[in-house]
C-alpha atoms as a PDB file:
ATOM      1  CA  UNK A   1     181.928 147.729 335.215  1.00  0.00           C
ATOM      2  CA  UNK A   2     183.286 150.354 337.575  1.00  0.00           C
ATOM      3  CA  UNK A   3     185.271 152.056 334.739  1.00  0.00           C
ATOM      4  CA  UNK A   4     182.112 152.235 332.645  1.00  0.00           C
ATOM      5  CA  UNK A   5     180.121 153.845 335.490  1.00  0.00           C
ATOM      6  CA  UNK A   6     182.918 156.365 336.082  1.00  0.00           C
ATOM      7  CA  UNK A   7     183.023 157.165 332.339  1.00  0.00           C
ATOM      8  CA  UNK A   8     179.232 157.661 332.223  1.00  0.00           C
ATOM      9  CA  UNK A   9     179.370 159.946 335.249  1.00  0.00           C
ATOM     10  CA  UNK A  10     182.124 162.018 333.625  1.00  0.00           C
ATOM     11  CA  UNK A  11     180.160 162.244 330.368  1.00  0.00           C
ATOM     12  CA  UNK A  12     177.045 163.290 332.276  1.00  0.00           C
ATOM     13  CA  UNK A  13     178.954 166.065 334.049  1.00  0.00           C
ATOM     14  CA  UNK A  14     180.502 167.134 330.741  1.00  0.00           C
ATOM     15  CA  UNK A  15     177.088 167.287 329.026  1.00  0.00           C
ATOM     16  CA  UNK A  16     175.605 169.283 331.916  1.00  0.00           C
ATOM     17  CA  UNK A  17     178.463 171.810 331.675  1.00  0.00           C
ATOM     18  CA  UNK A  18     178.129 172.107 327.878  1.00  0.00           C
ATOM     19  CA  UNK A  19     174.344 172.487 328.025  1.00  0.00           C
ATOM     20  CA  UNK A  20     174.674 175.087 330.798  1.00  0.00           C
ATOM     21  CA  UNK A  21     177.145 177.097 328.727  1.00  0.00           C
ATOM     22  CA  UNK A  22     174.870 176.886 325.696  1.00  0.00           C
ATOM     23  CA  UNK A  23     171.923 178.049 327.764  1.00  0.00           C
ATOM     24  CA  UNK A  24     173.922 181.055 328.982  1.00  0.00           C
ATOM     25  CA  UNK A  25     174.933 182.095 325.488  1.00  0.00           C
ATOM     26  CA  UNK A  26     172.636 184.870 324.363  1.00  0.00           C
ATOM     27  CA  UNK A  27     171.108 184.375 320.947  1.00  0.00           C
ATOM     28  CA  UNK A  28     169.924 187.654 319.462  1.00  0.00           C
ATOM     29  CA  UNK A  29     166.155 187.686 319.067  1.00  0.00           C
ATOM     30  CA  UNK A  30     166.031 190.727 316.808  1.00  0.00           C
ATOM     31  CA  UNK A  31     168.298 193.144 315.029  1.00  0.00           C
ATOM     32  CA  UNK A  32     170.680 195.454 316.853  1.00  0.00           C
ATOM     33  CA  UNK A  33     172.723 198.041 314.967  1.00  0.00           C
ATOM     34  CA  UNK A  34     175.777 199.300 316.852  1.00  0.00           C
ATOM     35  CA  UNK A  35     177.513 202.226 315.206  1.00  0.00           C
ATOM     36  CA  UNK A  36     180.649 204.271 315.596  1.00  0.00           C
ATOM     37  CA  UNK A  37     180.954 207.783 314.174  1.00  0.00           C
ATOM     38  CA  UNK A  38     184.564 208.868 313.598  1.00  0.00           C
ATOM     39  CA  UNK A  39     183.944 212.592 313.007  1.00  0.00           C
ATOM     40  CA  UNK A  40     183.497 214.439 316.339  1.00  0.00           C
ATOM     41  CA  UNK A  41     181.408 217.157 314.656  1.00  0.00           C
ATOM     42  CA  UNK A  42     178.482 214.686 314.531  1.00  0.00           C
ATOM     43  CA  UNK A  43     178.303 214.420 318.327  1.00  0.00           C
ATOM     44  CA  UNK A  44     174.697 215.016 319.413  1.00  0.00           C
ATOM     45  CA  UNK A  45     173.375 214.697 315.847  1.00  0.00           C
ATOM     46  CA  UNK A  46     170.504 212.415 314.827  1.00  0.00           C
ATOM     47  CA  UNK A  47     171.079 209.162 312.957  1.00  0.00           C
ATOM     48  CA  UNK A  48     168.028 208.087 310.989  1.00  0.00           C
ATOM     49  CA  UNK A  49     167.046 204.584 309.925  1.00  0.00           C
ATOM     50  CA  UNK A  50     165.058 204.873 306.717  1.00  0.00           C
ATOM     51  CA  UNK A  51     163.447 202.580 304.193  1.00  0.00           C
ATOM     52  CA  UNK A  52     165.685 202.168 301.158  1.00  0.00           C
ATOM     53  CA  UNK A  53     162.972 202.806 298.561  1.00  0.00           C
ATOM     54  CA  UNK A  54     160.845 205.474 300.258  1.00  0.00           C
ATOM     55  CA  UNK A  55     161.711 208.623 302.210  1.00  0.00           C
ATOM     56  CA  UNK A  56     160.018 207.166 305.318  1.00  0.00           C
ATOM     57  CA  UNK A  57     162.075 207.273 308.515  1.00  0.00           C
ATOM     58  CA  UNK A  58     161.112 204.495 310.910  1.00  0.00           C
ATOM     59  CA  UNK A  59     163.625 205.008 313.703  1.00  0.00           C
ATOM     60  CA  UNK A  60     166.200 207.517 314.911  1.00  0.00           C
ATOM     61  CA  UNK A  61     168.739 207.928 317.658  1.00  0.00           C
ATOM     62  CA  UNK A  62     171.431 210.375 318.739  1.00  0.00           C
ATOM     63  CA  UNK A  63     175.209 210.075 318.428  1.00  0.00           C
ATOM     64  CA  UNK A  64     176.533 209.991 321.985  1.00  0.00           C
ATOM     65  CA  UNK A  65     180.252 209.636 322.791  1.00  0.00           C
ATOM     66  CA  UNK A  66     180.866 208.819 319.132  1.00  0.00           C
ATOM     67  CA  UNK A  67     178.450 205.879 319.129  1.00  0.00           C
ATOM     68  CA  UNK A  68     174.822 205.089 318.423  1.00  0.00           C
ATOM     69  CA  UNK A  69     172.571 202.048 318.730  1.00  0.00           C
ATOM     70  CA  UNK A  70     169.295 200.862 317.270  1.00  0.00           C
ATOM     71  CA  UNK A  71     167.500 197.943 318.891  1.00  0.00           C
ATOM     72  CA  UNK A  72     164.836 196.548 316.612  1.00  0.00           C
ATOM     73  CA  UNK A  73     162.471 193.706 317.381  1.00  0.00           C
ATOM     74  CA  UNK A  74     161.983 190.666 315.228  1.00  0.00           C
ATOM     75  CA  UNK A  75     162.537 191.725 311.644  1.00  0.00           C
ATOM     76  CA  UNK A  76     162.661 190.153 308.208  1.00  0.00           C
ATOM     77  CA  UNK A  77     165.875 190.871 306.345  1.00  0.00           C
ATOM     78  CA  UNK A  78     165.530 194.049 304.318  1.00  0.00           C
ATOM     79  CA  UNK A  79     167.814 196.800 303.129  1.00  0.00           C
ATOM     80  CA  UNK A  80     167.461 200.083 304.989  1.00  0.00           C
ATOM     81  CA  UNK A  81     169.500 203.267 304.974  1.00  0.00           C
ATOM     82  CA  UNK A  82     171.377 204.827 307.865  1.00  0.00           C
ATOM     83  CA  UNK A  83     171.446 208.588 307.330  1.00  0.00           C
ATOM     84  CA  UNK A  84     173.583 210.996 309.351  1.00  0.00           C
ATOM     85  CA  UNK A  85     173.241 214.729 308.694  1.00  0.00           C
ATOM     86  CA  UNK A  86     175.627 217.461 309.823  1.00  0.00           C
ATOM     87  CA  UNK A  87     172.656 219.859 309.928  1.00  0.00           C
ATOM     88  CA  UNK A  88     168.956 219.831 309.120  1.00  0.00           C
ATOM     89  CA  UNK A  89     169.609 221.334 305.680  1.00  0.00           C
ATOM     90  CA  UNK A  90     172.570 219.043 304.850  1.00  0.00           C
ATOM     91  CA  UNK A  91     172.217 218.176 301.141  1.00  0.00           C
ATOM     92  CA  UNK A  92     174.871 215.430 301.218  1.00  0.00           C
ATOM     93  CA  UNK A  93     174.408 213.402 304.402  1.00  0.00           C
ATOM     94  CA  UNK A  94     176.490 210.340 305.233  1.00  0.00           C
ATOM     95  CA  UNK A  95     174.343 207.474 303.940  1.00  0.00           C
ATOM     96  CA  UNK A  96     174.981 203.763 304.331  1.00  0.00           C
ATOM     97  CA  UNK A  97     172.826 200.842 303.228  1.00  0.00           C
ATOM     98  CA  UNK A  98     172.432 198.247 305.970  1.00  0.00           C
ATOM     99  CA  UNK A  99     170.519 194.968 306.126  1.00  0.00           C
ATOM    100  CA  UNK A 100     168.228 194.776 309.138  1.00  0.00           C
ATOM    101  CA  UNK A 101     168.454 191.101 309.970  1.00  0.00           C
ATOM    102  CA  UNK A 102     168.656 188.972 313.091  1.00  0.00           C
ATOM    103  CA  UNK A 103     171.912 189.591 314.909  1.00  0.00           C
ATOM    104  CA  UNK A 104     174.247 192.441 315.783  1.00  0.00           C
ATOM    105  CA  UNK A 105     175.206 194.670 312.879  1.00  0.00           C
ATOM    106  CA  UNK A 106     178.404 196.687 313.335  1.00  0.00           C
ATOM    107  CA  UNK A 107     178.621 200.008 311.498  1.00  0.00           C
ATOM    108  CA  UNK A 108     181.404 202.560 311.116  1.00  0.00           C
ATOM    109  CA  UNK A 109     180.615 206.011 309.700  1.00  0.00           C
ATOM    110  CA  UNK A 110     183.729 207.956 308.820  1.00  0.00           C
ATOM    111  CA  UNK A 111     185.853 208.610 305.734  1.00  0.00           C
ATOM    112  CA  UNK A 112     185.049 205.021 304.961  1.00  0.00           C
ATOM    113  CA  UNK A 113     181.621 203.651 305.768  1.00  0.00           C
ATOM    114  CA  UNK A 114     181.581 199.995 306.758  1.00  0.00           C
ATOM    115  CA  UNK A 115     179.016 197.435 307.788  1.00  0.00           C
ATOM    116  CA  UNK A 116     179.634 193.934 309.166  1.00  0.00           C
ATOM    117  CA  UNK A 117     178.575 191.426 311.782  1.00  0.00           C
ATOM    118  CA  UNK A 118     175.880 189.453 309.998  1.00  0.00           C
ATOM    119  CA  UNK A 119     176.016 187.331 306.866  1.00  0.00           C
ATOM    120  CA  UNK A 120     173.994 189.654 304.629  1.00  0.00           C
ATOM    121  CA  UNK A 121     175.798 192.779 305.866  1.00  0.00           C
ATOM    122  CA  UNK A 122     179.169 191.139 305.208  1.00  0.00           C
ATOM    123  CA  UNK A 123     178.011 190.349 301.665  1.00  0.00           C
ATOM    124  CA  UNK A 124     176.644 193.867 301.211  1.00  0.00           C
ATOM    125  CA  UNK A 125     179.994 195.314 302.308  1.00  0.00           C
ATOM    126  CA  UNK A 126     181.841 193.061 299.830  1.00  0.00           C
ATOM    127  CA  UNK A 127     179.569 194.357 297.068  1.00  0.00           C
ATOM    128  CA  UNK A 128     180.052 198.011 298.040  1.00  0.00           C
ATOM    129  CA  UNK A 129     183.831 197.571 298.097  1.00  0.00           C
ATOM    130  CA  UNK A 130     183.694 195.867 294.681  1.00  0.00           C
ATOM    131  CA  UNK A 131     181.714 198.811 293.286  1.00  0.00           C
ATOM    132  CA  UNK A 132     184.317 201.240 294.704  1.00  0.00           C
ATOM    133  CA  UNK A 133     187.172 199.230 293.142  1.00  0.00           C
ATOM    134  CA  UNK A 134     185.286 199.114 289.851  1.00  0.00           C
ATOM    135  CA  UNK A 135     184.805 202.893 289.868  1.00  0.00           C
ATOM    136  CA  UNK A 136     188.494 203.471 290.642  1.00  0.00           C
ATOM    137  CA  UNK A 137     189.573 201.102 287.849  1.00  0.00           C
ATOM    138  CA  UNK A 138     187.235 202.635 285.270  1.00  0.00           C
ATOM    139  CA  UNK A 139     188.212 206.202 286.158  1.00  0.00           C
ATOM    140  CA  UNK A 140     191.820 205.561 285.119  1.00  0.00           C
ATOM    141  CA  UNK A 141     191.088 203.632 281.926  1.00  0.00           C
ATOM    142  CA  UNK A 142     189.101 206.163 279.912  1.00  0.00           C
ATOM    143  CA  UNK A 143     186.682 203.445 278.744  1.00  0.00           C
ATOM    144  CA  UNK A 144     183.576 204.205 276.701  1.00  0.00           C
ATOM    145  CA  UNK A 145     180.211 204.548 278.404  1.00  0.00           C
ATOM    146  CA  UNK A 146     179.012 201.319 276.764  1.00  0.00           C
ATOM    147  CA  UNK A 147     182.041 199.333 277.966  1.00  0.00           C
ATOM    148  CA  UNK A 148     181.670 200.642 281.534  1.00  0.00           C
ATOM    149  CA  UNK A 149     177.963 199.805 281.521  1.00  0.00           C
ATOM    150  CA  UNK A 150     178.651 196.269 280.216  1.00  0.00           C
ATOM    151  CA  UNK A 151     181.438 195.636 282.748  1.00  0.00           C
ATOM    152  CA  UNK A 152     179.287 196.951 285.598  1.00  0.00           C
ATOM    153  CA  UNK A 153     176.464 194.625 284.532  1.00  0.00           C
ATOM    154  CA  UNK A 154     178.892 191.703 284.822  1.00  0.00           C
ATOM    155  CA  UNK A 155     179.953 192.859 288.323  1.00  0.00           C
ATOM    156  CA  UNK A 156     176.331 193.273 289.390  1.00  0.00           C
ATOM    157  CA  UNK A 157     175.301 189.879 288.025  1.00  0.00           C
ATOM    158  CA  UNK A 158     178.172 188.050 289.744  1.00  0.00           C
ATOM    159  CA  UNK A 159     177.375 189.802 293.047  1.00  0.00           C
ATOM    160  CA  UNK A 160     173.718 188.835 292.804  1.00  0.00           C
ATOM    161  CA  UNK A 161     174.622 185.216 292.051  1.00  0.00           C
ATOM    162  CA  UNK A 162     176.864 185.106 295.122  1.00  0.00           C
END
Protein backbone atom coordinates (compact mmCIF):
# COMPACT_ATOMS: atom_id res chain seq x y z
CA UNK A 1 0.00 0.00 0.00
CA UNK A 2 2.83 2.36 0.86
CA UNK A 3 4.49 1.82 -2.59
CA UNK A 4 1.20 2.66 -4.29
CA UNK A 5 0.81 5.90 -2.29
CA UNK A 6 4.40 6.88 -3.09
CA UNK A 7 3.81 6.15 -6.80
CA UNK A 8 0.61 8.24 -6.82
CA UNK A 9 2.41 11.12 -5.12
CA UNK A 10 5.21 10.97 -7.70
CA UNK A 11 2.69 10.88 -10.56
CA UNK A 12 0.84 13.84 -9.07
CA UNK A 13 4.06 15.86 -8.85
CA UNK A 14 4.96 14.84 -12.40
CA UNK A 15 1.54 15.91 -13.73
CA UNK A 16 1.76 19.25 -11.90
CA UNK A 17 5.19 19.91 -13.45
CA UNK A 18 4.00 18.95 -16.96
CA UNK A 19 0.84 21.04 -16.69
CA UNK A 20 2.86 24.00 -15.37
CA UNK A 21 5.26 23.76 -18.31
CA UNK A 22 2.36 23.55 -20.75
CA UNK A 23 0.75 26.58 -19.17
CA UNK A 24 3.99 28.55 -19.56
CA UNK A 25 4.36 27.68 -23.22
CA UNK A 26 3.08 30.59 -25.26
CA UNK A 27 0.64 29.67 -27.98
CA UNK A 28 0.45 32.34 -30.66
CA UNK A 29 -2.98 33.96 -30.73
CA UNK A 30 -2.53 35.68 -34.07
CA UNK A 31 -0.07 35.97 -36.91
CA UNK A 32 3.40 37.41 -36.47
CA UNK A 33 5.70 37.90 -39.46
CA UNK A 34 9.38 38.20 -38.56
CA UNK A 35 11.60 39.20 -41.46
CA UNK A 36 15.26 39.57 -42.25
CA UNK A 37 16.50 41.77 -45.09
CA UNK A 38 19.96 40.80 -46.36
CA UNK A 39 20.67 43.90 -48.48
CA UNK A 40 21.87 46.80 -46.27
CA UNK A 41 20.61 49.36 -48.80
CA UNK A 42 17.04 48.65 -47.60
CA UNK A 43 17.79 49.87 -44.07
CA UNK A 44 15.11 52.40 -43.07
CA UNK A 45 12.87 51.47 -46.02
CA UNK A 46 9.19 50.56 -45.71
CA UNK A 47 7.96 46.98 -46.00
CA UNK A 48 4.33 46.80 -47.05
CA UNK A 49 1.84 44.02 -46.39
CA UNK A 50 -0.66 44.02 -49.23
CA UNK A 51 -3.63 41.99 -50.36
CA UNK A 52 -2.62 39.54 -53.07
CA UNK A 53 -5.46 40.38 -55.46
CA UNK A 54 -5.88 44.13 -54.95
CA UNK A 55 -3.39 46.99 -54.65
CA UNK A 56 -4.62 47.69 -51.09
CA UNK A 57 -1.91 47.98 -48.44
CA UNK A 58 -3.19 47.02 -45.00
CA UNK A 59 -0.03 47.29 -42.92
CA UNK A 60 3.53 48.58 -43.15
CA UNK A 61 6.66 48.74 -41.07
CA UNK A 62 10.27 49.88 -41.38
CA UNK A 63 13.42 47.79 -41.83
CA UNK A 64 15.50 48.39 -38.71
CA UNK A 65 18.87 46.69 -38.13
CA UNK A 66 18.13 44.43 -41.10
CA UNK A 67 14.87 43.15 -39.62
CA UNK A 68 11.17 43.91 -39.62
CA UNK A 69 8.09 42.58 -37.83
CA UNK A 70 4.35 42.59 -38.36
CA UNK A 71 2.08 41.62 -35.49
CA UNK A 72 -1.42 40.89 -36.71
CA UNK A 73 -4.39 39.94 -34.59
CA UNK A 74 -6.56 36.92 -35.14
CA UNK A 75 -6.61 36.24 -38.86
CA UNK A 76 -8.01 33.68 -41.26
CA UNK A 77 -5.39 32.12 -43.49
CA UNK A 78 -5.02 34.14 -46.67
CA UNK A 79 -2.26 34.91 -49.12
CA UNK A 80 -0.82 38.40 -48.87
CA UNK A 81 2.19 40.05 -50.44
CA UNK A 82 5.22 41.50 -48.68
CA UNK A 83 6.57 44.34 -50.82
CA UNK A 84 9.92 46.04 -50.23
CA UNK A 85 10.87 49.00 -52.43
CA UNK A 86 14.33 50.53 -52.80
CA UNK A 87 12.64 53.88 -53.53
CA UNK A 88 9.14 55.26 -53.95
CA UNK A 89 9.38 54.96 -57.74
CA UNK A 90 10.90 51.44 -57.71
CA UNK A 91 9.28 49.57 -60.62
CA UNK A 92 10.60 46.14 -59.56
CA UNK A 93 10.26 45.85 -55.78
CA UNK A 94 11.15 42.70 -53.86
CA UNK A 95 7.81 40.89 -53.59
CA UNK A 96 7.06 37.72 -51.67
CA UNK A 97 3.75 35.93 -51.20
CA UNK A 98 3.14 34.98 -47.58
CA UNK A 99 0.23 33.25 -45.85
CA UNK A 100 -1.07 35.22 -42.89
CA UNK A 101 -2.06 32.42 -40.55
CA UNK A 102 -1.86 31.72 -36.84
CA UNK A 103 1.74 31.38 -35.74
CA UNK A 104 5.13 32.94 -36.39
CA UNK A 105 6.06 33.27 -40.04
CA UNK A 106 9.78 33.61 -40.77
CA UNK A 107 10.75 35.56 -43.89
CA UNK A 108 14.09 36.22 -45.57
CA UNK A 109 14.34 38.89 -48.29
CA UNK A 110 17.60 38.73 -50.18
CA UNK A 111 18.91 37.18 -53.39
CA UNK A 112 16.63 34.35 -52.45
CA UNK A 113 13.28 35.10 -50.85
CA UNK A 114 12.11 32.50 -48.36
CA UNK A 115 9.14 31.96 -46.12
CA UNK A 116 8.71 29.32 -43.40
CA UNK A 117 7.51 28.70 -39.87
CA UNK A 118 3.90 27.69 -40.39
CA UNK A 119 2.38 24.78 -42.27
CA UNK A 120 0.88 26.80 -45.14
CA UNK A 121 4.00 28.96 -45.54
CA UNK A 122 6.18 25.84 -45.68
CA UNK A 123 3.92 24.46 -48.41
CA UNK A 124 3.93 27.79 -50.25
CA UNK A 125 7.74 27.82 -50.17
CA UNK A 126 7.86 24.26 -51.55
CA UNK A 127 5.61 25.36 -54.41
CA UNK A 128 7.69 28.46 -55.18
CA UNK A 129 10.88 26.39 -55.23
CA UNK A 130 9.20 23.85 -57.53
CA UNK A 131 8.21 26.65 -59.92
CA UNK A 132 11.81 27.94 -59.92
CA UNK A 133 13.16 24.44 -60.66
CA UNK A 134 10.57 24.03 -63.41
CA UNK A 135 11.60 27.33 -65.01
CA UNK A 136 15.29 26.39 -64.86
CA UNK A 137 14.60 22.97 -66.41
CA UNK A 138 12.43 24.36 -69.20
CA UNK A 139 14.89 27.13 -70.05
CA UNK A 140 17.57 24.59 -70.98
CA UNK A 141 15.34 22.21 -72.94
CA UNK A 142 14.01 24.46 -75.70
CA UNK A 143 10.52 22.94 -75.36
CA UNK A 144 7.52 24.25 -77.28
CA UNK A 145 5.12 26.68 -75.64
CA UNK A 146 2.39 24.01 -75.59
CA UNK A 147 4.63 21.44 -73.89
CA UNK A 148 5.75 23.95 -71.24
CA UNK A 149 2.15 24.97 -70.59
CA UNK A 150 1.06 21.31 -70.26
CA UNK A 151 3.96 20.42 -67.94
CA UNK A 152 3.31 23.50 -65.79
CA UNK A 153 -0.36 22.52 -65.50
CA UNK A 154 0.75 19.13 -64.15
CA UNK A 155 3.06 20.84 -61.61
CA UNK A 156 0.29 23.22 -60.55
CA UNK A 157 -2.28 20.44 -60.20
CA UNK A 158 0.02 18.25 -58.09
CA UNK A 159 0.86 21.22 -55.84
CA UNK A 160 -2.81 22.02 -55.34
CA UNK A 161 -3.59 18.40 -54.50
CA UNK A 162 -0.84 18.38 -51.88
